[in-house]
Amino acid sequence: MKKVLKIITNKYVIATLLFVVLIFFLDEYNLMVTHRVKNEVQALHAEEQALKKAIAADSVHNASLRDNLDAIEHYGRENYYMKRSNEDIYVIK
């Protein structure tokens, strides 16, 4: 018991414990904040990858609209309900 008490009251052990408590819990960038920021960075990287895939798909779609008149007509009919003069359009939702 005396050995344990002597080790715990050692000034170096106390200083080390205070340092660990300061770094892990009381510092501005403590362990919890660092973990939260790491999770946010991972979420932003996942969102970045999803947006890059969407940009690639939109680029392919944009290229097809630039080159193909049938694709332009199809896009206009689907998204803007365009019609020819002799047609009627019924929108069912």
PDB file of N, CA and C in Angstrom:
ATOM      1  N   MET A   1       0.815  -1.198   0.000  1.00  0.00           N
ATOM      2  CA  MET A   1       0.000   0.000   0.000  1.00  0.00           C
ATOM      3  C   MET A   1       0.860   1.264   0.000  1.00  0.00           C
ATOM      4  N   LYS A   2       1.950   1.236   0.772  1.00  0.00           N
ATOM      5  CA  LYS A   2       2.824   2.394   0.834  1.00  0.00           C
ATOM      6  C   LYS A   2       3.522   2.628  -0.501  1.00  0.00           C
ATOM      7  N   LYS A   3       3.872   1.524  -1.218  1.00  0.00           N
ATOM      8  CA  LYS A   3       4.528   1.667  -2.520  1.00  0.00           C
ATOM      9  C   LYS A   3       3.591   2.313  -3.537  1.00  0.00           C
ATOM     10  N   VAL A   4       2.334   1.885  -3.537  1.00  0.00           N
ATOM     11  CA  VAL A   4       1.345   2.443  -4.474  1.00  0.00           C
ATOM     12  C   VAL A   4       1.112   3.911  -4.167  1.00  0.00           C
ATOM     13  N   LEU A   5       0.986   4.260  -2.894  1.00  0.00           N
ATOM     14  CA  LEU A   5       0.776   5.647  -2.492  1.00  0.00           C
ATOM     15  C   LEU A   5       1.986   6.494  -2.850  1.00  0.00           C
ATOM     16  N   LYS A   6       3.166   5.912  -2.689  1.00  0.00           N
ATOM     17  CA  LYS A   6       4.387   6.640  -3.014  1.00  0.00           C
ATOM     18  C   LYS A   6       4.477   6.882  -4.530  1.00  0.00           C
ATOM     19  N   ILE A   7       4.082   5.886  -5.323  1.00  0.00           N
ATOM     20  CA  ILE A   7       4.105   6.045  -6.785  1.00  0.00           C
ATOM     21  C   ILE A   7       3.075   7.079  -7.223  1.00  0.00           C
ATOM     22  N   ILE A   8       1.871   7.032  -6.655  1.00  0.00           N
ATOM     23  CA  ILE A   8       0.808   7.961  -7.049  1.00  0.00           C
ATOM     24  C   ILE A   8       1.163   9.394  -6.666  1.00  0.00           C
ATOM     25  N   THR A   9       1.824   9.601  -5.562  1.00  0.00           N
ATOM     26  CA  THR A   9       2.166  10.960  -5.128  1.00  0.00           C
ATOM     27  C   THR A   9       3.470  11.460  -5.723  1.00  0.00           C
ATOM     28  N   ASN A  10       4.092  10.684  -6.584  1.00  0.00           N
ATOM     29  CA  ASN A  10       5.298  11.119  -7.262  1.00  0.00           C
ATOM     30  C   ASN A  10       4.954  12.310  -8.159  1.00  0.00           C
ATOM     31  N   LYS A  11       5.809  13.345  -8.152  1.00  0.00           N
ATOM     32  CA  LYS A  11       5.497  14.565  -8.901  1.00  0.00           C
ATOM     33  C   LYS A  11       5.475  14.324 -10.411  1.00  0.00           C
ATOM     34  N   TYR A  12       6.242  13.393 -10.895  1.00  0.00           N
ATOM     35  CA  TYR A  12       6.250  13.098 -12.324  1.00  0.00           C
ATOM     36  C   TYR A  12       4.976  12.365 -12.753  1.00  0.00           C
ATOM     37  N   VAL A  13       4.503  11.470 -11.925  1.00  0.00           N
ATOM     38  CA  VAL A  13       3.254  10.754 -12.218  1.00  0.00           C
ATOM     39  C   VAL A  13       2.084  11.736 -12.196  1.00  0.00           C
ATOM     40  N   ILE A  14       2.067  12.620 -11.216  1.00  0.00           N
ATOM     41  CA  ILE A  14       0.990  13.620 -11.135  1.00  0.00           C
ATOM     42  C   ILE A  14       1.033  14.549 -12.343  1.00  0.00           C
ATOM     43  N   ALA A  15       2.222  14.985 -12.726  1.00  0.00           N
ATOM     44  CA  ALA A  15       2.353  15.868 -13.889  1.00  0.00           C
ATOM     45  C   ALA A  15       1.911  15.160 -15.164  1.00  0.00           C
ATOM     46  N   THR A  16       2.273  13.892 -15.299  1.00  0.00           N
ATOM     47  CA  THR A  16       1.872  13.126 -16.483  1.00  0.00           C
ATOM     48  C   THR A  16       0.356  12.947 -16.530  1.00  0.00           C
ATOM     49  N   LEU A  17      -0.251  12.627 -15.404  1.00  0.00           N
ATOM     50  CA  LEU A  17      -1.709  12.467 -15.361  1.00  0.00           C
ATOM     51  C   LEU A  17      -2.424  13.778 -15.674  1.00  0.00           C
ATOM     52  N   LEU A  18      -1.927  14.880 -15.132  1.00  0.00           N
ATOM     53  CA  LEU A  18      -2.530  16.183 -15.444  1.00  0.00           C
ATOM     54  C   LEU A  18      -2.402  16.509 -16.926  1.00  0.00           C
ATOM     55  N   PHE A  19      -1.243  16.174 -17.506  1.00  0.00           N
ATOM     56  CA  PHE A  19      -1.042  16.407 -18.929  1.00  0.00           C
ATOM     57  C   PHE A  19      -2.007  15.579 -19.767  1.00  0.00           C
ATOM     58  N   VAL A  20      -2.178  14.318 -19.416  1.00  0.00           N
ATOM     59  CA  VAL A  20      -3.088  13.438 -20.153  1.00  0.00           C
ATOM     60  C   VAL A  20      -4.522  13.949 -20.048  1.00  0.00           C
ATOM     61  N   VAL A  21      -4.937  14.349 -18.858  1.00  0.00           N
ATOM     62  CA  VAL A  21      -6.296  14.887 -18.683  1.00  0.00           C
ATOM     63  C   VAL A  21      -6.459  16.163 -19.490  1.00  0.00           C
ATOM     64  N   LEU A  22      -5.452  17.012 -19.490  1.00  0.00           N
ATOM     65  CA  LEU A  22      -5.516  18.253 -20.254  1.00  0.00           C
ATOM     66  C   LEU A  22      -5.648  17.979 -21.742  1.00  0.00           C
ATOM     67  N   ILE A  23      -4.848  17.097 -22.259  1.00  0.00           N
ATOM     68  CA  ILE A  23      -4.857  16.812 -23.697  1.00  0.00           C
ATOM     69  C   ILE A  23      -6.145  16.112 -24.125  1.00  0.00           C
ATOM     70  N   PHE A  24      -6.589  15.133 -23.377  1.00  0.00           N
ATOM     71  CA  PHE A  24      -7.738  14.332 -23.795  1.00  0.00           C
ATOM     72  C   PHE A  24      -9.085  14.993 -23.543  1.00  0.00           C
ATOM     73  N   PHE A  25      -9.196  15.842 -22.556  1.00  0.00           N
ATOM     74  CA  PHE A  25     -10.517  16.336 -22.178  1.00  0.00           C
ATOM     75  C   PHE A  25     -10.654  17.864 -22.138  1.00  0.00           C
ATOM     76  N   LEU A  26      -9.622  18.588 -21.767  1.00  0.00           N
ATOM     77  CA  LEU A  26      -9.780  20.008 -21.504  1.00  0.00           C
ATOM     78  C   LEU A  26      -9.232  20.917 -22.594  1.00  0.00           C
ATOM     79  N   ASP A  27      -8.465  20.395 -23.499  1.00  0.00           N
ATOM     80  CA  ASP A  27      -7.873  21.201 -24.558  1.00  0.00           C
ATOM     81  C   ASP A  27      -8.931  21.617 -25.572  1.00  0.00           C
ATOM     82  N   GLU A  28      -8.642  22.674 -26.328  1.00  0.00           N
ATOM     83  CA  GLU A  28      -9.586  23.140 -27.345  1.00  0.00           C
ATOM     84  C   GLU A  28      -9.815  22.071 -28.414  1.00  0.00           C
ATOM     85  N   TYR A  29      -8.780  21.377 -28.792  1.00  0.00           N
ATOM     86  CA  TYR A  29      -8.888  20.298 -29.775  1.00  0.00           C
ATOM     87  C   TYR A  29      -8.688  18.970 -29.058  1.00  0.00           C
ATOM     88  N   ASN A  30      -9.613  18.652 -28.183  1.00  0.00           N
ATOM     89  CA  ASN A  30      -9.493  17.433 -27.392  1.00  0.00           C
ATOM     90  C   ASN A  30      -9.899  16.216 -28.207  1.00  0.00           C
ATOM     91  N   LEU A  31      -9.916  15.096 -27.560  1.00  0.00           N
ATOM     92  CA  LEU A  31     -10.171  13.827 -28.229  1.00  0.00           C
ATOM     93  C   LEU A  31     -11.564  13.778 -28.860  1.00  0.00           C
ATOM     94  N   MET A  32     -12.559  14.311 -28.172  1.00  0.00           N
ATOM     95  CA  MET A  32     -13.931  14.280 -28.706  1.00  0.00           C
ATOM     96  C   MET A  32     -14.070  15.178 -29.927  1.00  0.00           C
ATOM     97  N   VAL A  33     -13.487  16.359 -29.877  1.00  0.00           N
ATOM     98  CA  VAL A  33     -13.553  17.286 -31.013  1.00  0.00           C
ATOM     99  C   VAL A  33     -12.817  16.696 -32.211  1.00  0.00           C
ATOM    100  N   THR A  34     -11.668  16.099 -31.959  1.00  0.00           N
ATOM    101  CA  THR A  34     -10.905  15.485 -33.037  1.00  0.00           C
ATOM    102  C   THR A  34     -11.690  14.349 -33.690  1.00  0.00           C
ATOM    103  N   HIS A  35     -12.361  13.552 -32.900  1.00  0.00           N
ATOM    104  CA  HIS A  35     -13.174  12.451 -33.426  1.00  0.00           C
ATOM    105  C   HIS A  35     -14.339  12.990 -34.260  1.00  0.00           C
ATOM    106  N   ARG A  36     -15.006  14.033 -33.772  1.00  0.00           N
ATOM    107  CA  ARG A  36     -16.127  14.625 -34.500  1.00  0.00           C
ATOM    108  C   ARG A  36     -15.665  15.215 -35.836  1.00  0.00           C
ATOM    109  N   VAL A  37     -14.531  15.895 -35.833  1.00  0.00           N
ATOM    110  CA  VAL A  37     -14.001  16.488 -37.062  1.00  0.00           C
ATOM    111  C   VAL A  37     -13.604  15.397 -38.051  1.00  0.00           C
ATOM    112  N   LYS A  38     -13.039  14.316 -37.542  1.00  0.00           N
ATOM    113  CA  LYS A  38     -12.669  13.202 -38.421  1.00  0.00           C
ATOM    114  C   LYS A  38     -13.904  12.604 -39.088  1.00  0.00           C
ATOM    115  N   ASN A  39     -14.992  12.450 -38.337  1.00  0.00           N
ATOM    116  CA  ASN A  39     -16.233  11.929 -38.913  1.00  0.00           C
ATOM    117  C   ASN A  39     -16.803  12.886 -39.955  1.00  0.00           C
ATOM    118  N   GLU A  40     -16.725  14.182 -39.697  1.00  0.00           N
ATOM    119  CA  GLU A  40     -17.207  15.164 -40.670  1.00  0.00           C
ATOM    120  C   GLU A  40     -16.394  15.109 -41.958  1.00  0.00           C
ATOM    121  N   VAL A  41     -15.087  14.954 -41.821  1.00  0.00           N
ATOM    122  CA  VAL A  41     -14.221  14.867 -43.006  1.00  0.00           C
ATOM    123  C   VAL A  41     -14.569  13.628 -43.823  1.00  0.00           C
ATOM    124  N   GLN A  42     -14.801  12.511 -43.159  1.00  0.00           N
ATOM    125  CA  GLN A  42     -15.176  11.287 -43.877  1.00  0.00           C
ATOM    126  C   GLN A  42     -16.511  11.463 -44.594  1.00  0.00           C
ATOM    127  N   ALA A  43     -17.473  12.112 -43.940  1.00  0.00           N
ATOM    128  CA  ALA A  43     -18.773  12.350 -44.575  1.00  0.00           C
ATOM    129  C   ALA A  43     -18.621  13.272 -45.781  1.00  0.00           C
ATOM    130  N   LEU A  44     -17.777  14.280 -45.661  1.00  0.00           N
ATOM    131  CA  LEU A  44     -17.561  15.195 -46.786  1.00  0.00           C
ATOM    132  C   LEU A  44     -16.848  14.509 -47.946  1.00  0.00           C
ATOM    133  N   HIS A  45     -15.936  13.597 -47.641  1.00  0.00           N
ATOM    134  CA  HIS A  45     -15.284  12.839 -48.725  1.00  0.00           C
ATOM    135  C   HIS A  45     -16.295  11.944 -49.440  1.00  0.00           C
ATOM    136  N   ALA A  46     -17.187  11.329 -48.683  1.00  0.00           N
ATOM    137  CA  ALA A  46     -18.215  10.489 -49.310  1.00  0.00           C
ATOM    138  C   ALA A  46     -19.134  11.340 -50.179  1.00  0.00           C
ATOM    139  N   GLU A  47     -19.505  12.515 -49.689  1.00  0.00           N
ATOM    140  CA  GLU A  47     -20.352  13.412 -50.481  1.00  0.00           C
ATOM    141  C   GLU A  47     -19.617  13.884 -51.735  1.00  0.00           C
ATOM    142  N   GLU A  48     -18.319  14.139 -51.604  1.00  0.00           N
ATOM    143  CA  GLU A  48     -17.522  14.556 -52.755  1.00  0.00           C
ATOM    144  C   GLU A  48     -17.507  13.471 -53.828  1.00  0.00           C
ATOM    145  N   GLN A  49     -17.339  12.219 -53.409  1.00  0.00           N
ATOM    146  CA  GLN A  49     -17.326  11.117 -54.372  1.00  0.00           C
ATOM    147  C   GLN A  49     -18.678  10.978 -55.068  1.00  0.00           C
ATOM    148  N   ALA A  50     -19.768  11.129 -54.314  1.00  0.00           N
ATOM    149  CA  ALA A  50     -21.104  11.038 -54.907  1.00  0.00           C
ATOM    150  C   ALA A  50     -21.326  12.170 -55.904  1.00  0.00           C
ATOM    151  N   LEU A  51     -20.866  13.363 -55.562  1.00  0.00           N
ATOM    152  CA  LEU A  51     -21.028  14.494 -56.476  1.00  0.00           C
ATOM    153  C   LEU A  51     -20.170  14.329 -57.732  1.00  0.00           C
ATOM    154  N   LYS A  52     -18.985  13.753 -57.572  1.00  0.00           N
ATOM    155  CA  LYS A  52     -18.152  13.501 -58.755  1.00  0.00           C
ATOM    156  C   LYS A  52     -18.826  12.505 -59.699  1.00  0.00           C
ATOM    157  N   LYS A  53     -19.464  11.473 -59.126  1.00  0.00           N
ATOM    158  CA  LYS A  53     -20.189  10.513 -59.968  1.00  0.00           C
ATOM    159  C   LYS A  53     -21.360  11.196 -60.672  1.00  0.00           C
ATOM    160  N   ALA A  54     -22.063  12.069 -59.957  1.00  0.00           N
ATOM    161  CA  ALA A  54     -23.187  12.786 -60.558  1.00  0.00           C
ATOM    162  C   ALA A  54     -22.706  13.713 -61.662  1.00  0.00           C
ATOM    163  N   ILE A  55     -21.576  14.368 -61.462  1.00  0.00           N
ATOM    164  CA  ILE A  55     -21.023  15.255 -62.488  1.00  0.00           C
ATOM    165  C   ILE A  55     -20.640  14.450 -63.728  1.00  0.00           C
ATOM    166  N   ALA A  56     -20.056  13.282 -63.531  1.00  0.00           N
ATOM    167  CA  ALA A  56     -19.685  12.445 -64.673  1.00  0.00           C
ATOM    168  C   ALA A  56     -20.919  12.002 -65.448  1.00  0.00           C
ATOM    169  N   ALA A  57     -21.974  11.605 -64.728  1.00  0.00           N
ATOM    170  CA  ALA A  57     -23.210  11.188 -65.405  1.00  0.00           C
ATOM    171  C   ALA A  57     -23.844  12.361 -66.133  1.00  0.00           C
ATOM    172  N   ASP A  58     -23.839  13.533 -65.523  1.00  0.00           N
ATOM    173  CA  ASP A  58     -24.415  14.717 -66.173  1.00  0.00           C
ATOM    174  C   ASP A  58     -23.587  15.138 -67.385  1.00  0.00           C
ATOM    175  N   SER A  59     -22.284  14.960 -67.323  1.00  0.00           N
ATOM    176  CA  SER A  59     -21.436  15.302 -68.466  1.00  0.00           C
ATOM    177  C   SER A  59     -21.747  14.405 -69.654  1.00  0.00           C
ATOM    178  N   VAL A  60     -21.946  13.125 -69.386  1.00  0.00           N
ATOM    179  CA  VAL A  60     -22.307  12.198 -70.462  1.00  0.00           C
ATOM    180  C   VAL A  60     -23.671  12.578 -71.043  1.00  0.00           C
ATOM    181  N   HIS A  61     -24.614  12.896 -70.171  1.00  0.00           N
ATOM    182  CA  HIS A  61     -25.955  13.292 -70.623  1.00  0.00           C
ATOM    183  C   HIS A  61     -25.885  14.592 -71.413  1.00  0.00           C
ATOM    184  N   ASN A  62     -25.074  15.529 -70.967  1.00  0.00           N
ATOM    185  CA  ASN A  62     -24.921  16.805 -71.658  1.00  0.00           C
ATOM    186  C   ASN A  62     -24.302  16.597 -73.041  1.00  0.00           C
ATOM    187  N   ALA A  63     -23.323  15.716 -73.132  1.00  0.00           N
ATOM    188  CA  ALA A  63     -22.702  15.436 -74.428  1.00  0.00           C
ATOM    189  C   ALA A  63     -23.701  14.803 -75.384  1.00  0.00           C
ATOM    190  N   SER A  64     -24.555  13.927 -74.879  1.00  0.00           N
ATOM    191  CA  SER A  64     -25.552  13.308 -75.760  1.00  0.00           C
ATOM    192  C   SER A  64     -26.588  14.339 -76.213  1.00  0.00           C
ATOM    193  N   LEU A  65     -26.894  15.298 -75.355  1.00  0.00           N
ATOM    194  CA  LEU A  65     -27.843  16.342 -75.768  1.00  0.00           C
ATOM    195  C   LEU A  65     -27.242  17.284 -76.798  1.00  0.00           C
ATOM    196  N   ARG A  66     -25.941  17.493 -76.758  1.00  0.00           N
ATOM    197  CA  ARG A  66     -25.300  18.361 -77.739  1.00  0.00           C
ATOM    198  C   ARG A  66     -25.273  17.723 -79.126  1.00  0.00           C
ATOM    199  N   ASP A  67     -25.180  16.414 -79.183  1.00  0.00           N
ATOM    200  CA  ASP A  67     -24.958  15.744 -80.456  1.00  0.00           C
ATOM    201  C   ASP A  67     -26.222  15.180 -81.096  1.00  0.00           C
ATOM    202  N   ASN A  68     -27.199  14.795 -80.320  1.00  0.00           N
ATOM    203  CA  ASN A  68     -28.312  14.011 -80.832  1.00  0.00           C
ATOM    204  C   ASN A  68     -29.613  14.805 -80.741  1.00  0.00           C
ATOM    205  N   LEU A  69     -30.231  15.073 -81.882  1.00  0.00           N
ATOM    206  CA  LEU A  69     -31.491  15.821 -81.902  1.00  0.00           C
ATOM    207  C   LEU A  69     -32.638  15.021 -81.274  1.00  0.00           C
ATOM    208  N   ASP A  70     -32.616  13.704 -81.460  1.00  0.00           N
ATOM    209  CA  ASP A  70     -33.653  12.877 -80.837  1.00  0.00           C
ATOM    210  C   ASP A  70     -33.564  12.934 -79.312  1.00  0.00           C
ATOM    211  N   ALA A  71     -32.356  12.976 -78.788  1.00  0.00           N
ATOM    212  CA  ALA A  71     -32.183  13.078 -77.336  1.00  0.00           C
ATOM    213  C   ALA A  71     -32.684  14.431 -76.822  1.00  0.00           C
ATOM    214  N   ILE A  72     -32.463  15.486 -77.581  1.00  0.00           N
ATOM    215  CA  ILE A  72     -32.956  16.821 -77.201  1.00  0.00           C
ATOM    216  C   ILE A  72     -34.478  16.817 -77.174  1.00  0.00           C
ATOM    217  N   GLU A  73     -35.079  16.226 -78.186  1.00  0.00           N
ATOM    218  CA  GLU A  73     -36.546  16.162 -78.227  1.00  0.00           C
ATOM    219  C   GLU A  73     -37.083  15.329 -77.056  1.00  0.00           C
ATOM    220  N   HIS A  74     -36.468  14.213 -76.803  1.00  0.00           N
ATOM    221  CA  HIS A  74     -36.882  13.344 -75.701  1.00  0.00           C
ATOM    222  C   HIS A  74     -36.774  14.080 -74.352  1.00  0.00           C
ATOM    223  N   TYR A  75     -35.686  14.803 -74.152  1.00  0.00           N
ATOM    224  CA  TYR A  75     -35.481  15.555 -72.911  1.00  0.00           C
ATOM    225  C   TYR A  75     -36.533  16.664 -72.771  1.00  0.00           C
ATOM    226  N   GLY A  76     -36.790  17.379 -73.824  1.00  0.00           N
ATOM    227  CA  GLY A  76     -37.801  18.448 -73.781  1.00  0.00           C
ATOM    228  C   GLY A  76     -39.194  17.905 -73.511  1.00  0.00           C
ATOM    229  N   ARG A  77     -39.524  16.785 -74.085  1.00  0.00           N
ATOM    230  CA  ARG A  77     -40.843  16.195 -73.856  1.00  0.00           C
ATOM    231  C   ARG A  77     -40.994  15.711 -72.418  1.00  0.00           C
ATOM    232  N   GLU A  78     -39.953  15.099 -71.864  1.00  0.00           N
ATOM    233  CA  GLU A  78     -40.044  14.569 -70.508  1.00  0.00           C
ATOM    234  C   GLU A  78     -40.033  15.650 -69.436  1.00  0.00           C
ATOM    235  N   ASN A  79     -39.157  16.609 -69.564  1.00  0.00           N
ATOM    236  CA  ASN A  79     -38.942  17.562 -68.477  1.00  0.00           C
ATOM    237  C   ASN A  79     -39.757  18.848 -68.612  1.00  0.00           C
ATOM    238  N   TYR A  80     -40.063  19.254 -69.817  1.00  0.00           N
ATOM    239  CA  TYR A  80     -40.762  20.520 -70.007  1.00  0.00           C
ATOM    240  C   TYR A  80     -42.134  20.355 -70.648  1.00  0.00           C
ATOM    241  N   TYR A  81     -42.569  19.116 -70.797  1.00  0.00           N
ATOM    242  CA  TYR A  81     -43.888  18.788 -71.351  1.00  0.00           C
ATOM    243  C   TYR A  81     -44.129  19.473 -72.703  1.00  0.00           C
ATOM    244  N   MET A  82     -43.102  19.530 -73.517  1.00  0.00           N
ATOM    245  CA  MET A  82     -43.236  20.109 -74.850  1.00  0.00           C
ATOM    246  C   MET A  82     -43.970  19.122 -75.741  1.00  0.00           C
ATOM    247  N   LYS A  83     -44.652  19.666 -76.722  1.00  0.00           N
ATOM    248  CA  LYS A  83     -45.429  18.807 -77.610  1.00  0.00           C
ATOM    249  C   LYS A  83     -45.384  19.359 -79.019  1.00  0.00           C
ATOM    250  N   ARG A  84     -45.761  18.516 -79.924  1.00  0.00           N
ATOM    251  CA  ARG A  84     -45.902  18.969 -81.298  1.00  0.00           C
ATOM    252  C   ARG A  84     -47.273  19.616 -81.445  1.00  0.00           C
ATOM    253  N   SER A  85     -47.491  20.299 -82.539  1.00  0.00           N
ATOM    254  CA  SER A  85     -48.741  21.051 -82.703  1.00  0.00           C
ATOM    255  C   SER A  85     -49.961  20.132 -82.815  1.00  0.00           C
ATOM    256  N   ASN A  86     -49.801  18.933 -83.282  1.00  0.00           N
ATOM    257  CA  ASN A  86     -50.947  18.042 -83.458  1.00  0.00           C
ATOM    258  C   ASN A  86     -51.072  17.018 -82.332  1.00  0.00           C
ATOM    259  N   GLU A  87     -50.449  17.246 -81.180  1.00  0.00           N
ATOM    260  CA  GLU A  87     -50.490  16.304 -80.082  1.00  0.00           C
ATOM    261  C   GLU A  87     -51.150  16.907 -78.855  1.00  0.00           C
ATOM    262  N   ASP A  88     -51.668  16.030 -78.020  1.00  0.00           N
ATOM    263  CA  ASP A  88     -52.148  16.427 -76.699  1.00  0.00           C
ATOM    264  C   ASP A  88     -51.319  15.679 -75.661  1.00  0.00           C
ATOM    265  N   ILE A  89     -51.025  16.353 -74.548  1.00  0.00           N
ATOM    266  CA  ILE A  89     -50.217  15.738 -73.503  1.00  0.00           C
ATOM    267  C   ILE A  89     -51.071  15.648 -72.240  1.00  0.00           C
ATOM    268  N   TYR A  90     -51.072  14.462 -71.644  1.00  0.00           N
ATOM    269  CA  TYR A  90     -51.752  14.240 -70.381  1.00  0.00           C
ATOM    270  C   TYR A  90     -50.712  13.866 -69.330  1.00  0.00           C
ATOM    271  N   VAL A  91     -50.635  14.639 -68.270  1.00  0.00           N
ATOM    272  CA  VAL A  91     -49.660  14.386 -67.210  1.00  0.00           C
ATOM    273  C   VAL A  91     -50.390  13.677 -66.085  1.00  0.00           C
ATOM    274  N   ILE A  92     -49.944  12.458 -65.789  1.00  0.00           N
ATOM    275  CA  ILE A  92     -50.549  11.658 -64.724  1.00  0.00           C
ATOM    276  C   ILE A  92     -49.525  11.498 -63.618  1.00  0.00           C
ATOM    277  N   LYS A  93     -49.902  11.913 -62.432  1.00  0.00           N
ATOM    278  CA  LYS A  93     -48.974  11.792 -61.298  1.00  0.00           C
ATOM    279  C   LYS A  93     -49.511  10.810 -60.295  1.00  0.00           C
TER     280      LYS A  93
END
